[in-house]
């Protein structure tokens, strides 16, 4: 028998080393602690309708380059890779590529490849990204008020 820490739950538990399995004590202890915590939270805090989406939003558009890329594509329209690279002063080719791939994967940027020699690739803001225009305008207004 031993004592360990469940990092996810932030609680101590008892475990058994036999066959590298954790004993029933841990399961029972976690179930009791979880039930107790739920009861306490139900009585002490008002119920929330739904969780805050901010962490998910930050994952989508967070970071220096994603916001700059989106701002360029939303307000200036379709751009080729090297145009974006020139407009994003200080971004490396690798970083720009990674950020564009992430934005494309999240459905905020559309990439169009033309079968030409040399190959031509254009990036355009999707409707999902264009819906962020008001947010950019609000940030601009805030900056004007507070700068």
N, C-alpha and C. Protein backbone atom coordinates (compact mmCIF):
# COMPACT_ATOMS: atom_id res chain seq x y z
N UNK A 1 0.84 -1.18 0.00
CA UNK A 1 0.00 0.00 0.00
C UNK A 1 0.88 1.24 0.00
N UNK A 2 0.39 2.32 -0.57
CA UNK A 2 1.12 3.58 -0.59
C UNK A 2 0.17 4.75 -0.68
N UNK A 3 0.73 5.93 -0.68
CA UNK A 3 -0.06 7.15 -0.79
C UNK A 3 0.41 7.88 -2.03
N UNK A 4 -0.53 8.41 -2.80
CA UNK A 4 -0.20 9.15 -4.00
C UNK A 4 -1.04 10.41 -4.10
N UNK A 5 -0.84 11.14 -5.18
CA UNK A 5 -1.61 12.36 -5.43
C UNK A 5 -2.27 12.24 -6.79
N UNK A 6 -3.56 12.51 -6.82
CA UNK A 6 -4.28 12.57 -8.09
C UNK A 6 -4.18 14.02 -8.54
N UNK A 7 -3.32 14.29 -9.50
CA UNK A 7 -3.07 15.67 -9.92
C UNK A 7 -4.29 16.31 -10.55
N UNK A 8 -5.09 15.55 -11.24
CA UNK A 8 -6.27 16.08 -11.89
C UNK A 8 -7.29 16.53 -10.85
N UNK A 9 -7.49 15.74 -9.82
CA UNK A 9 -8.46 16.07 -8.78
C UNK A 9 -7.83 16.87 -7.64
N UNK A 10 -6.49 16.82 -7.53
CA UNK A 10 -5.81 17.54 -6.47
C UNK A 10 -6.04 16.91 -5.10
N UNK A 11 -6.17 15.58 -5.05
CA UNK A 11 -6.42 14.90 -3.79
C UNK A 11 -5.43 13.76 -3.60
N UNK A 12 -5.26 13.36 -2.35
CA UNK A 12 -4.44 12.20 -2.03
C UNK A 12 -5.26 10.94 -2.19
N UNK A 13 -4.60 9.83 -2.47
CA UNK A 13 -5.29 8.55 -2.55
C UNK A 13 -4.36 7.44 -2.09
N UNK A 14 -4.96 6.32 -1.78
CA UNK A 14 -4.21 5.14 -1.36
C UNK A 14 -4.16 4.19 -2.54
N UNK A 15 -2.97 3.63 -2.81
CA UNK A 15 -2.88 2.72 -3.94
C UNK A 15 -2.16 1.45 -3.54
N UNK A 16 -2.34 0.45 -4.39
CA UNK A 16 -1.71 -0.84 -4.18
C UNK A 16 -0.71 -1.06 -5.29
N UNK A 17 0.46 -1.57 -4.97
CA UNK A 17 1.50 -1.77 -5.97
C UNK A 17 1.34 -3.13 -6.66
N UNK A 18 0.53 -4.01 -6.13
CA UNK A 18 0.34 -5.33 -6.73
C UNK A 18 -0.09 -5.20 -8.18
N UNK A 19 0.63 -5.83 -9.06
CA UNK A 19 0.32 -5.86 -10.49
C UNK A 19 0.20 -4.47 -11.11
N UNK A 20 0.85 -3.47 -10.52
CA UNK A 20 0.80 -2.10 -11.02
C UNK A 20 -0.62 -1.57 -11.17
N UNK A 21 -1.50 -1.97 -10.30
CA UNK A 21 -2.87 -1.47 -10.37
C UNK A 21 -3.16 -0.64 -9.15
N UNK A 22 -4.03 0.27 -9.30
CA UNK A 22 -4.45 1.11 -8.18
C UNK A 22 -5.67 0.44 -7.56
N UNK A 23 -5.65 0.33 -6.25
CA UNK A 23 -6.69 -0.40 -5.54
C UNK A 23 -8.03 0.31 -5.51
N UNK A 24 -9.02 -0.41 -5.01
CA UNK A 24 -10.37 0.12 -4.90
C UNK A 24 -10.44 1.30 -3.93
N UNK A 25 -9.45 1.38 -3.01
CA UNK A 25 -9.47 2.48 -2.06
C UNK A 25 -9.46 3.83 -2.78
N UNK A 26 -8.66 3.94 -3.83
CA UNK A 26 -8.56 5.20 -4.57
C UNK A 26 -9.91 5.54 -5.20
N UNK A 27 -10.50 4.57 -5.85
CA UNK A 27 -11.77 4.80 -6.51
C UNK A 27 -12.83 5.24 -5.51
N UNK A 28 -12.91 4.52 -4.40
CA UNK A 28 -13.91 4.87 -3.40
C UNK A 28 -13.64 6.25 -2.81
N UNK A 29 -12.37 6.54 -2.53
CA UNK A 29 -12.02 7.82 -1.94
C UNK A 29 -12.34 8.97 -2.89
N UNK A 30 -12.02 8.79 -4.19
CA UNK A 30 -12.29 9.83 -5.16
C UNK A 30 -13.79 10.04 -5.35
N UNK A 31 -14.55 8.95 -5.35
CA UNK A 31 -15.99 9.07 -5.49
C UNK A 31 -16.59 9.84 -4.32
N UNK A 32 -16.16 9.53 -3.10
CA UNK A 32 -16.66 10.24 -1.92
C UNK A 32 -16.27 11.72 -1.97
N UNK A 33 -15.01 11.99 -2.30
CA UNK A 33 -14.55 13.37 -2.35
C UNK A 33 -15.27 14.15 -3.43
N UNK A 34 -15.47 13.53 -4.59
CA UNK A 34 -16.15 14.19 -5.69
C UNK A 34 -17.60 14.49 -5.33
N UNK A 35 -18.27 13.53 -4.71
CA UNK A 35 -19.66 13.72 -4.29
C UNK A 35 -19.75 14.83 -3.26
N UNK A 36 -18.83 14.84 -2.32
CA UNK A 36 -18.80 15.87 -1.29
C UNK A 36 -18.58 17.25 -1.90
N UNK A 37 -17.66 17.34 -2.85
CA UNK A 37 -17.37 18.62 -3.50
C UNK A 37 -18.56 19.12 -4.29
N UNK A 38 -19.26 18.21 -4.97
CA UNK A 38 -20.44 18.61 -5.74
C UNK A 38 -21.53 19.14 -4.82
N UNK A 39 -21.73 18.48 -3.68
CA UNK A 39 -22.74 18.93 -2.73
C UNK A 39 -22.40 20.31 -2.19
N UNK A 40 -21.13 20.54 -1.86
CA UNK A 40 -20.71 21.84 -1.35
C UNK A 40 -20.89 22.92 -2.40
N UNK A 41 -20.50 22.62 -3.64
CA UNK A 41 -20.61 23.63 -4.68
C UNK A 41 -22.06 23.93 -5.03
N UNK A 42 -22.93 22.93 -4.90
CA UNK A 42 -24.34 23.15 -5.18
C UNK A 42 -24.97 24.09 -4.15
N UNK A 43 -24.54 24.02 -2.90
CA UNK A 43 -25.15 24.85 -1.86
C UNK A 43 -24.50 26.21 -1.74
N UNK A 44 -23.22 26.36 -2.13
CA UNK A 44 -22.51 27.60 -1.91
C UNK A 44 -22.49 28.54 -3.11
N UNK A 45 -22.67 28.03 -4.30
CA UNK A 45 -22.53 28.87 -5.48
C UNK A 45 -23.79 28.79 -6.35
N UNK A 46 -24.15 29.93 -6.96
CA UNK A 46 -25.29 29.90 -7.88
C UNK A 46 -24.93 29.11 -9.12
N UNK A 47 -25.89 28.45 -9.69
CA UNK A 47 -25.66 27.64 -10.89
C UNK A 47 -25.38 28.54 -12.09
N UNK A 48 -24.41 28.15 -12.90
CA UNK A 48 -24.10 28.89 -14.11
C UNK A 48 -24.77 28.20 -15.28
N UNK A 49 -25.29 28.99 -16.19
CA UNK A 49 -26.00 28.43 -17.33
C UNK A 49 -25.07 27.61 -18.22
N UNK A 50 -23.91 28.17 -18.54
CA UNK A 50 -22.95 27.45 -19.36
C UNK A 50 -21.55 27.99 -19.07
N UNK A 51 -20.52 27.20 -19.35
CA UNK A 51 -19.16 27.64 -19.03
C UNK A 51 -18.72 28.80 -19.92
N UNK A 52 -17.79 29.57 -19.43
CA UNK A 52 -17.26 30.73 -20.16
C UNK A 52 -16.49 30.24 -21.40
N UNK A 53 -16.77 30.83 -22.57
CA UNK A 53 -16.09 30.39 -23.79
C UNK A 53 -14.72 31.03 -24.00
N UNK A 54 -14.30 31.92 -23.11
CA UNK A 54 -13.05 32.66 -23.33
C UNK A 54 -11.83 31.78 -23.57
N UNK A 55 -11.62 30.70 -22.82
CA UNK A 55 -10.44 29.86 -23.12
C UNK A 55 -10.46 29.30 -24.54
N UNK A 56 -11.64 28.94 -25.03
CA UNK A 56 -11.74 28.41 -26.39
C UNK A 56 -11.50 29.51 -27.43
N UNK A 57 -12.00 30.71 -27.14
CA UNK A 57 -11.79 31.84 -28.04
C UNK A 57 -10.30 32.18 -28.11
N UNK A 58 -9.66 32.17 -26.94
CA UNK A 58 -8.23 32.49 -26.89
C UNK A 58 -7.41 31.47 -27.69
N UNK A 59 -7.83 30.22 -27.68
CA UNK A 59 -7.13 29.20 -28.47
C UNK A 59 -7.27 29.48 -29.97
N UNK A 60 -8.46 29.96 -30.37
CA UNK A 60 -8.70 30.22 -31.80
C UNK A 60 -7.93 31.42 -32.31
N UNK A 61 -8.00 32.53 -31.59
CA UNK A 61 -7.44 33.78 -32.12
C UNK A 61 -6.33 34.34 -31.24
N UNK A 62 -5.92 33.60 -30.22
CA UNK A 62 -4.90 34.09 -29.31
C UNK A 62 -3.53 34.17 -29.95
N UNK A 63 -2.71 35.02 -29.42
CA UNK A 63 -1.36 35.17 -29.92
C UNK A 63 -1.21 36.38 -30.81
N UNK A 64 0.01 36.82 -30.89
CA UNK A 64 0.33 38.04 -31.63
C UNK A 64 0.02 37.91 -33.13
N UNK A 65 0.46 36.86 -33.74
CA UNK A 65 0.39 36.78 -35.20
C UNK A 65 -0.99 36.44 -35.72
N UNK A 66 -1.74 35.62 -35.00
CA UNK A 66 -3.08 35.26 -35.49
C UNK A 66 -3.96 36.50 -35.61
N UNK A 67 -3.92 37.37 -34.62
CA UNK A 67 -4.74 38.59 -34.68
C UNK A 67 -4.30 39.49 -35.82
N UNK A 68 -3.01 39.62 -36.02
CA UNK A 68 -2.50 40.47 -37.11
C UNK A 68 -2.90 39.89 -38.47
N UNK A 69 -2.73 38.59 -38.62
CA UNK A 69 -3.11 37.92 -39.88
C UNK A 69 -4.60 38.11 -40.15
N UNK A 70 -5.42 37.85 -39.13
CA UNK A 70 -6.87 38.00 -39.31
C UNK A 70 -7.24 39.44 -39.65
N UNK A 71 -6.62 40.39 -38.98
CA UNK A 71 -6.92 41.80 -39.24
C UNK A 71 -6.61 42.15 -40.69
N UNK A 72 -5.48 41.69 -41.20
CA UNK A 72 -5.10 41.96 -42.60
C UNK A 72 -6.10 41.33 -43.55
N UNK A 73 -6.41 40.05 -43.33
CA UNK A 73 -7.32 39.35 -44.27
C UNK A 73 -8.75 39.87 -44.19
N UNK A 74 -9.18 40.29 -43.02
CA UNK A 74 -10.55 40.80 -42.88
C UNK A 74 -10.69 42.17 -43.53
N UNK A 75 -9.74 43.06 -43.29
CA UNK A 75 -9.88 44.44 -43.76
C UNK A 75 -9.22 44.73 -45.10
N UNK A 76 -8.25 43.91 -45.52
CA UNK A 76 -7.56 44.15 -46.79
C UNK A 76 -7.86 43.09 -47.84
N UNK A 77 -8.55 42.04 -47.46
CA UNK A 77 -8.94 41.02 -48.43
C UNK A 77 -7.88 39.95 -48.64
N UNK A 78 -8.05 39.20 -49.70
CA UNK A 78 -7.19 38.06 -50.04
C UNK A 78 -5.75 38.49 -50.23
N UNK A 79 -4.84 37.69 -49.67
CA UNK A 79 -3.41 37.98 -49.79
C UNK A 79 -2.65 36.70 -50.09
N UNK A 80 -1.53 36.87 -50.81
CA UNK A 80 -0.62 35.75 -51.03
C UNK A 80 0.32 35.66 -49.84
N UNK A 81 1.02 34.53 -49.74
CA UNK A 81 1.88 34.27 -48.59
C UNK A 81 2.91 35.37 -48.38
N UNK A 82 3.64 35.73 -49.42
CA UNK A 82 4.70 36.73 -49.28
C UNK A 82 4.15 38.12 -48.98
N UNK A 83 2.94 38.42 -49.46
CA UNK A 83 2.31 39.69 -49.10
C UNK A 83 2.04 39.72 -47.59
N UNK A 84 1.50 38.62 -47.08
CA UNK A 84 1.25 38.53 -45.64
C UNK A 84 2.55 38.64 -44.86
N UNK A 85 3.57 38.00 -45.35
CA UNK A 85 4.86 38.03 -44.65
C UNK A 85 5.42 39.45 -44.58
N UNK A 86 5.27 40.23 -45.66
CA UNK A 86 5.74 41.62 -45.66
C UNK A 86 4.89 42.48 -44.72
N UNK A 87 3.59 42.22 -44.69
CA UNK A 87 2.68 43.02 -43.85
C UNK A 87 2.80 42.69 -42.36
N UNK A 88 3.20 41.47 -42.05
CA UNK A 88 3.41 41.05 -40.65
C UNK A 88 4.87 41.26 -40.32
N UNK A 89 5.23 42.48 -40.03
CA UNK A 89 6.62 42.85 -39.79
C UNK A 89 7.22 42.06 -38.64
N UNK A 90 8.28 41.29 -38.94
CA UNK A 90 8.99 40.55 -37.92
C UNK A 90 8.63 39.07 -37.82
N UNK A 91 7.62 38.63 -38.54
CA UNK A 91 7.24 37.22 -38.47
C UNK A 91 8.19 36.39 -39.33
N UNK A 92 8.55 35.22 -38.84
CA UNK A 92 9.39 34.32 -39.63
C UNK A 92 8.50 33.52 -40.57
N UNK A 93 9.10 32.96 -41.60
CA UNK A 93 8.35 32.15 -42.56
C UNK A 93 7.72 30.95 -41.87
N UNK A 94 8.46 30.31 -40.97
CA UNK A 94 7.94 29.14 -40.25
C UNK A 94 6.76 29.51 -39.37
N UNK A 95 6.89 30.61 -38.63
CA UNK A 95 5.81 31.04 -37.75
C UNK A 95 4.56 31.40 -38.54
N UNK A 96 4.73 32.12 -39.64
CA UNK A 96 3.59 32.49 -40.48
C UNK A 96 2.91 31.24 -41.03
N UNK A 97 3.70 30.29 -41.49
CA UNK A 97 3.14 29.03 -42.00
C UNK A 97 2.35 28.31 -40.91
N UNK A 98 2.92 28.20 -39.72
CA UNK A 98 2.23 27.52 -38.61
C UNK A 98 0.94 28.23 -38.23
N UNK A 99 0.98 29.56 -38.16
CA UNK A 99 -0.21 30.32 -37.77
C UNK A 99 -1.31 30.21 -38.84
N UNK A 100 -0.92 30.27 -40.11
CA UNK A 100 -1.91 30.13 -41.18
C UNK A 100 -2.53 28.73 -41.18
N UNK A 101 -1.73 27.71 -40.92
CA UNK A 101 -2.26 26.34 -40.85
C UNK A 101 -3.24 26.20 -39.68
N UNK A 102 -2.89 26.80 -38.55
CA UNK A 102 -3.79 26.74 -37.39
C UNK A 102 -5.09 27.47 -37.68
N UNK A 103 -5.01 28.64 -38.29
CA UNK A 103 -6.22 29.39 -38.63
C UNK A 103 -7.06 28.65 -39.66
N UNK A 104 -6.40 28.00 -40.60
CA UNK A 104 -7.11 27.20 -41.60
C UNK A 104 -7.80 26.01 -40.92
N UNK A 105 -7.09 25.36 -40.02
CA UNK A 105 -7.66 24.22 -39.29
C UNK A 105 -8.85 24.60 -38.43
N UNK A 106 -8.86 25.83 -37.93
CA UNK A 106 -9.97 26.33 -37.10
C UNK A 106 -11.10 26.92 -37.93
N UNK A 107 -10.93 26.92 -39.25
CA UNK A 107 -12.00 27.41 -40.12
C UNK A 107 -12.08 28.92 -40.23
N UNK A 108 -11.00 29.62 -39.91
CA UNK A 108 -10.99 31.07 -39.98
C UNK A 108 -10.34 31.59 -41.27
N UNK A 109 -9.52 30.76 -41.88
CA UNK A 109 -8.82 31.15 -43.11
C UNK A 109 -8.99 30.04 -44.13
N UNK A 110 -9.20 30.46 -45.38
CA UNK A 110 -9.31 29.51 -46.47
C UNK A 110 -8.07 29.65 -47.35
N UNK A 111 -7.48 28.54 -47.71
CA UNK A 111 -6.27 28.53 -48.53
C UNK A 111 -6.63 28.00 -49.92
N UNK A 112 -6.24 28.75 -50.94
CA UNK A 112 -6.51 28.32 -52.31
C UNK A 112 -5.18 28.18 -53.04
N UNK A 113 -4.96 26.98 -53.59
CA UNK A 113 -3.72 26.68 -54.31
C UNK A 113 -4.02 26.66 -55.81
N UNK A 114 -3.24 27.41 -56.56
CA UNK A 114 -3.39 27.45 -58.01
C UNK A 114 -2.32 26.56 -58.64
N UNK A 115 -2.73 25.75 -59.60
CA UNK A 115 -1.82 24.82 -60.28
C UNK A 115 -1.04 25.58 -61.35
N UNK A 116 -0.08 26.35 -60.90
CA UNK A 116 0.76 27.14 -61.80
C UNK A 116 2.23 26.87 -61.45
N UNK A 117 3.10 27.32 -62.34
CA UNK A 117 4.52 27.25 -62.06
C UNK A 117 5.04 28.68 -62.09
N UNK A 118 5.57 29.21 -61.02
CA UNK A 118 5.63 28.62 -59.68
C UNK A 118 4.25 28.58 -59.04
N UNK A 119 4.07 27.70 -58.06
CA UNK A 119 2.76 27.58 -57.43
C UNK A 119 2.35 28.88 -56.74
N UNK A 120 1.07 29.18 -56.82
CA UNK A 120 0.53 30.39 -56.19
C UNK A 120 -0.48 29.96 -55.14
N UNK A 121 -0.36 30.52 -53.95
CA UNK A 121 -1.27 30.20 -52.84
C UNK A 121 -1.84 31.51 -52.32
N UNK A 122 -3.16 31.56 -52.19
CA UNK A 122 -3.82 32.75 -51.66
C UNK A 122 -4.60 32.39 -50.40
N UNK A 123 -4.63 33.32 -49.48
CA UNK A 123 -5.33 33.15 -48.21
C UNK A 123 -6.44 34.17 -48.12
N UNK A 124 -7.62 33.70 -47.69
CA UNK A 124 -8.80 34.55 -47.57
C UNK A 124 -9.47 34.28 -46.24
N UNK A 125 -10.02 35.32 -45.63
CA UNK A 125 -10.79 35.15 -44.40
C UNK A 125 -12.12 34.49 -44.72
N UNK A 126 -12.51 33.51 -43.94
CA UNK A 126 -13.80 32.86 -44.13
C UNK A 126 -14.89 33.72 -43.48
N UNK A 127 -16.13 33.33 -43.67
CA UNK A 127 -17.24 34.07 -43.07
C UNK A 127 -17.13 34.05 -41.54
N UNK A 128 -16.66 32.94 -41.01
CA UNK A 128 -16.46 32.84 -39.56
C UNK A 128 -15.48 33.91 -39.09
N UNK A 129 -14.43 34.15 -39.86
CA UNK A 129 -13.46 35.20 -39.51
C UNK A 129 -14.03 36.58 -39.75
N UNK A 130 -14.78 36.74 -40.83
CA UNK A 130 -15.38 38.05 -41.13
C UNK A 130 -16.35 38.48 -40.03
N UNK A 131 -16.93 37.52 -39.34
CA UNK A 131 -17.82 37.84 -38.23
C UNK A 131 -17.08 38.49 -37.06
N UNK A 132 -15.75 38.43 -37.07
CA UNK A 132 -14.93 39.06 -36.03
C UNK A 132 -14.67 40.53 -36.30
N UNK A 133 -15.17 41.06 -37.41
CA UNK A 133 -14.91 42.46 -37.77
C UNK A 133 -15.35 43.42 -36.66
N UNK A 134 -16.50 43.19 -36.08
CA UNK A 134 -16.97 44.07 -35.00
C UNK A 134 -16.02 44.04 -33.81
N UNK A 135 -15.48 42.87 -33.51
CA UNK A 135 -14.54 42.75 -32.40
C UNK A 135 -13.28 43.59 -32.68
N UNK A 136 -12.77 43.54 -33.89
CA UNK A 136 -11.61 44.34 -34.24
C UNK A 136 -11.93 45.83 -34.17
N UNK A 137 -13.11 46.22 -34.62
CA UNK A 137 -13.50 47.63 -34.55
C UNK A 137 -13.65 48.08 -33.10
N UNK A 138 -14.18 47.21 -32.24
CA UNK A 138 -14.29 47.54 -30.82
C UNK A 138 -12.92 47.70 -30.18
N UNK A 139 -11.97 46.82 -30.53
CA UNK A 139 -10.61 46.95 -30.01
C UNK A 139 -9.97 48.25 -30.49
N UNK A 140 -10.23 48.63 -31.75
CA UNK A 140 -9.70 49.88 -32.29
C UNK A 140 -10.27 51.08 -31.54
N UNK A 141 -11.56 51.06 -31.30
CA UNK A 141 -12.22 52.15 -30.55
C UNK A 141 -11.66 52.24 -29.14
N UNK A 142 -11.47 51.09 -28.50
CA UNK A 142 -10.91 51.07 -27.15
C UNK A 142 -9.52 51.69 -27.17
N UNK A 143 -8.71 51.34 -28.16
CA UNK A 143 -7.35 51.85 -28.26
C UNK A 143 -7.37 53.38 -28.43
N UNK A 144 -8.26 53.89 -29.24
CA UNK A 144 -8.34 55.34 -29.45
C UNK A 144 -8.74 56.07 -28.16
N UNK A 145 -9.65 55.46 -27.39
CA UNK A 145 -10.09 56.07 -26.13
C UNK A 145 -9.00 56.06 -25.08
N UNK A 146 -8.16 55.03 -25.07
CA UNK A 146 -7.22 54.85 -23.97
C UNK A 146 -5.76 55.10 -24.34
N UNK A 147 -5.50 55.58 -25.52
CA UNK A 147 -4.10 55.84 -25.88
C UNK A 147 -3.77 57.31 -25.83
